[in-house]
């Protein structure tokens, strides 16, 4: 039995950007572009209609911007679509707001075709799409604008000691393999702990775990790996 293709919606007000992404993704086995939107309102409509796996969402669009569209998509009852924010880094102030809205990560508009394809696959399987460079920029913006000083650490009482250690490593940008090496665990065990952390804290995905950890002082800017 053949696996169903990953279904993608492209949301960007630049026709050339959408066309380029459509060509790249359209040549890949297992990925299908099922819709395109030139503004945020249309993007929300398409997600409700088509139920794609992933939306590639620009921020600066007419009618409804990408941040509000992301909030509407991810706030809809029963939603399973993941959102990736398209960025050129010319406005860093919206990066953390996108994470707060529930986006699963960021993709540079000038990303290579290989990175574009891999990004869709990464997000579709529920992993975070936060490169070290993006993470540093996002956290620096969050720390400088919203937190004039260090945040007092708040340890979630629902987590066991091991789950808390896993959350710390997650927030530092570690992969499951890196967490396994650091904590001397098997990768399967790490996956179990990650699932429990997300479930206990009611977090959507690993990206949300990063946001949670910084907002609650569990890690501070400068604690990351890269």
Protein backbone atom coordinates (compact mmCIF):
# COMPACT_ATOMS: atom_id res chain seq x y z
CA UNK A 1 0.00 0.00 0.00
CA UNK A 2 1.43 3.39 -1.06
CA UNK A 3 1.69 6.13 1.56
CA UNK A 4 -0.46 9.17 0.86
CA UNK A 5 1.49 12.23 -0.33
CA UNK A 6 2.10 15.18 1.96
CA UNK A 7 -0.37 17.87 0.97
CA UNK A 8 0.92 21.44 0.92
CA UNK A 9 -0.69 24.88 0.56
CA UNK A 10 1.45 27.84 -0.52
CA UNK A 11 0.50 31.27 0.89
CA UNK A 12 2.49 34.23 -0.46
CA UNK A 13 1.44 37.40 -2.26
CA UNK A 14 4.36 37.14 -4.68
CA UNK A 15 3.42 35.03 -7.69
CA UNK A 16 7.04 34.22 -8.49
CA UNK A 17 7.71 32.87 -5.01
CA UNK A 18 4.69 30.58 -5.18
CA UNK A 19 5.59 29.46 -8.68
CA UNK A 20 9.15 28.62 -7.68
CA UNK A 21 8.06 26.66 -4.63
CA UNK A 22 5.37 24.86 -6.64
CA UNK A 23 7.89 23.72 -9.25
CA UNK A 24 10.35 22.47 -6.63
CA UNK A 25 7.79 20.63 -4.53
CA UNK A 26 5.91 19.34 -7.55
CA UNK A 27 8.89 17.31 -8.72
CA UNK A 28 9.21 15.47 -5.41
CA UNK A 29 7.74 12.05 -4.81
CA UNK A 30 5.39 12.05 -1.86
CA UNK A 31 4.61 15.80 -1.90
CA UNK A 32 1.63 17.45 -3.59
CA UNK A 33 0.84 21.18 -3.77
CA UNK A 34 -2.94 21.23 -3.41
CA UNK A 35 -3.60 24.96 -3.22
CA UNK A 36 -2.18 28.48 -3.44
CA UNK A 37 -3.22 31.72 -1.76
CA UNK A 38 -2.16 35.29 -2.41
CA UNK A 39 -3.39 36.61 0.94
CA UNK A 40 -3.94 35.38 4.48
CA UNK A 41 -7.72 35.26 4.31
CA UNK A 42 -7.61 32.96 1.31
CA UNK A 43 -4.99 30.81 3.04
CA UNK A 44 -7.34 30.25 5.98
CA UNK A 45 -10.17 29.36 3.59
CA UNK A 46 -8.00 26.86 1.71
CA UNK A 47 -6.85 25.15 4.88
CA UNK A 48 -10.44 24.73 6.04
CA UNK A 49 -11.43 23.40 2.62
CA UNK A 50 -8.44 21.21 1.77
CA UNK A 51 -7.04 20.16 5.19
CA UNK A 52 -3.40 20.12 4.02
CA UNK A 53 -0.56 18.70 6.09
CA UNK A 54 1.60 21.84 5.82
CA UNK A 55 1.13 25.51 4.91
CA UNK A 56 4.10 27.60 3.81
CA UNK A 57 2.96 31.03 5.06
CA UNK A 58 4.38 34.44 4.21
CA UNK A 59 3.93 37.11 6.87
CA UNK A 60 3.39 40.32 4.91
CA UNK A 61 0.27 39.68 2.85
CA UNK A 62 -2.83 41.77 2.06
CA UNK A 63 -6.26 41.46 3.71
CA UNK A 64 -5.05 39.23 6.57
CA UNK A 65 -1.35 38.98 7.39
CA UNK A 66 0.43 35.69 7.92
CA UNK A 67 0.54 35.95 11.70
CA UNK A 68 -3.21 36.37 12.04
CA UNK A 69 -3.79 33.69 9.40
CA UNK A 70 -1.56 31.35 11.40
CA UNK A 71 -3.56 32.03 14.56
CA UNK A 72 -6.81 31.31 12.75
CA UNK A 73 -5.54 28.12 11.12
CA UNK A 74 -4.03 26.68 14.28
CA UNK A 75 -6.87 27.84 16.50
CA UNK A 76 -9.54 26.06 14.48
CA UNK A 77 -11.15 23.08 16.26
CA UNK A 78 -9.64 19.78 15.18
CA UNK A 79 -6.89 21.39 13.14
CA UNK A 80 -3.96 19.14 12.22
CA UNK A 81 -2.24 21.41 9.67
CA UNK A 82 1.28 22.62 10.49
CA UNK A 83 2.43 26.12 9.55
CA UNK A 84 5.90 27.12 8.40
CA UNK A 85 6.60 30.85 8.27
CA UNK A 86 8.42 32.16 5.20
CA UNK A 87 10.92 34.87 6.09
CA UNK A 88 13.68 37.03 4.64
CA UNK A 89 14.92 38.22 8.07
CA UNK A 90 14.10 41.83 7.19
CA UNK A 91 11.68 41.94 10.12
CA UNK A 92 12.90 40.01 13.11
CA UNK A 93 10.19 41.39 15.38
CA UNK A 94 7.57 39.01 14.02
CA UNK A 95 9.57 35.82 14.45
CA UNK A 96 8.74 35.12 18.07
CA UNK A 97 5.15 36.23 17.57
CA UNK A 98 4.88 33.58 14.88
CA UNK A 99 6.07 30.94 17.33
CA UNK A 100 3.60 32.17 19.91
CA UNK A 101 0.89 31.87 17.29
CA UNK A 102 1.84 28.21 16.97
CA UNK A 103 4.03 28.08 13.86
CA UNK A 104 6.23 25.00 13.66
CA UNK A 105 9.24 26.95 12.41
CA UNK A 106 10.72 29.17 9.76
CA UNK A 107 12.03 28.84 6.24
CA UNK A 108 14.14 31.40 4.42
CA UNK A 109 12.65 32.37 1.06
CA UNK A 110 16.06 31.88 -0.53
CA UNK A 111 16.44 28.38 0.91
CA UNK A 112 17.87 25.73 -1.39
CA UNK A 113 15.45 23.34 -3.09
CA UNK A 114 16.78 20.54 -0.89
CA UNK A 115 16.13 22.55 2.28
CA UNK A 116 12.63 23.43 1.12
CA UNK A 117 11.71 19.80 0.54
CA UNK A 118 13.30 18.62 3.78
CA UNK A 119 11.56 21.39 5.73
CA UNK A 120 8.15 20.23 4.56
CA UNK A 121 8.95 16.65 5.56
CA UNK A 122 10.39 17.66 8.95
CA UNK A 123 7.35 19.70 9.94
CA UNK A 124 4.86 17.17 8.61
CA UNK A 125 6.25 14.50 10.93
CA UNK A 126 5.91 16.82 13.93
CA UNK A 127 9.49 17.98 14.43
CA UNK A 128 10.60 21.58 14.94
CA UNK A 129 12.07 23.58 12.10
CA UNK A 130 14.40 25.90 13.99
CA UNK A 131 17.94 26.27 12.75
CA UNK A 132 20.51 27.53 15.27
CA UNK A 133 20.66 30.90 13.46
CA UNK A 134 16.91 31.37 13.53
CA UNK A 135 16.71 30.25 17.15
CA UNK A 136 19.34 32.79 18.22
CA UNK A 137 17.54 35.62 16.44
CA UNK A 138 14.14 34.68 17.80
CA UNK A 139 15.28 34.31 21.39
CA UNK A 140 17.35 37.49 21.26
CA UNK A 141 14.31 39.39 20.03
CA UNK A 142 12.07 37.84 22.68
CA UNK A 143 14.57 38.46 25.48
CA UNK A 144 15.36 42.03 24.50
CA UNK A 145 11.81 43.19 23.85
CA UNK A 146 9.68 41.28 26.31
CA UNK A 147 12.08 40.53 29.17
CA UNK A 148 14.33 43.35 30.44
CA UNK A 149 16.14 40.89 32.71
CA UNK A 150 16.51 37.18 33.39
CA UNK A 151 13.30 35.26 33.98
CA UNK A 152 12.99 33.38 37.24
CA UNK A 153 12.94 29.69 36.43
CA UNK A 154 9.60 27.95 36.85
CA UNK A 155 9.81 24.19 36.87
CA UNK A 156 6.56 22.52 35.80
CA UNK A 157 5.51 20.30 38.71
CA UNK A 158 3.96 17.74 36.37
CA UNK A 159 7.34 16.72 34.93
CA UNK A 160 9.62 14.08 36.37
CA UNK A 161 13.32 14.86 36.80
CA UNK A 162 14.15 13.07 33.56
CA UNK A 163 11.36 14.78 31.63
CA UNK A 164 12.58 18.14 32.88
CA UNK A 165 16.10 17.33 31.66
CA UNK A 166 14.67 16.43 28.26
CA UNK A 167 12.74 19.72 28.12
CA UNK A 168 15.93 21.66 28.84
CA UNK A 169 17.75 19.88 26.02
CA UNK A 170 14.81 20.43 23.68
CA UNK A 171 14.90 24.15 24.40
CA UNK A 172 18.60 24.22 23.59
CA UNK A 173 17.81 22.91 20.13
CA UNK A 174 19.01 19.35 20.61
CA UNK A 175 17.81 16.56 18.36
CA UNK A 176 16.65 13.24 19.80
CA UNK A 177 20.04 11.74 18.99
CA UNK A 178 21.86 14.56 20.79
CA UNK A 179 19.57 14.27 23.81
CA UNK A 180 20.21 10.54 23.89
CA UNK A 181 23.97 11.08 23.95
CA UNK A 182 23.82 13.84 26.56
CA UNK A 183 21.53 11.98 28.94
CA UNK A 184 22.89 8.48 28.16
CA UNK A 185 19.54 7.19 26.95
CA UNK A 186 18.30 5.27 23.93
CA UNK A 187 16.62 7.29 21.20
CA UNK A 188 13.38 5.37 21.62
CA UNK A 189 13.35 6.32 25.30
CA UNK A 190 14.00 9.96 24.38
CA UNK A 191 11.06 9.93 21.97
CA UNK A 192 8.85 8.61 24.75
CA UNK A 193 10.01 11.34 27.13
CA UNK A 194 9.47 14.04 24.49
CA UNK A 195 5.92 12.82 23.89
CA UNK A 196 5.21 12.85 27.62
CA UNK A 197 6.62 16.37 28.01
CA UNK A 198 4.47 17.69 25.18
CA UNK A 199 1.40 15.91 26.50
CA UNK A 200 1.78 16.97 30.13
CA UNK A 201 2.41 20.62 29.21
CA UNK A 202 -0.25 20.66 26.48
CA UNK A 203 2.27 21.75 23.87
CA UNK A 204 1.66 21.37 20.15
CA UNK A 205 5.17 20.32 19.14
CA UNK A 206 8.89 20.70 19.86
CA UNK A 207 8.86 24.30 18.67
CA UNK A 208 6.21 25.14 21.25
CA UNK A 209 8.39 23.47 23.86
CA UNK A 210 11.19 25.92 23.01
CA UNK A 211 8.81 28.86 23.45
CA UNK A 212 7.52 27.46 26.75
CA UNK A 213 11.03 26.94 28.14
CA UNK A 214 12.16 30.49 27.39
CA UNK A 215 8.94 32.08 28.59
CA UNK A 216 9.24 30.23 31.90
CA UNK A 217 12.94 30.85 32.46
CA UNK A 218 13.86 27.18 32.15
CA UNK A 219 16.63 28.22 29.79
CA UNK A 220 18.02 31.69 29.14
CA UNK A 221 19.44 33.33 26.01
CA UNK A 222 22.99 32.08 25.64
CA UNK A 223 22.13 28.59 26.85
CA UNK A 224 21.70 27.23 23.33
CA UNK A 225 23.98 24.94 21.41
CA UNK A 226 24.81 27.03 18.44
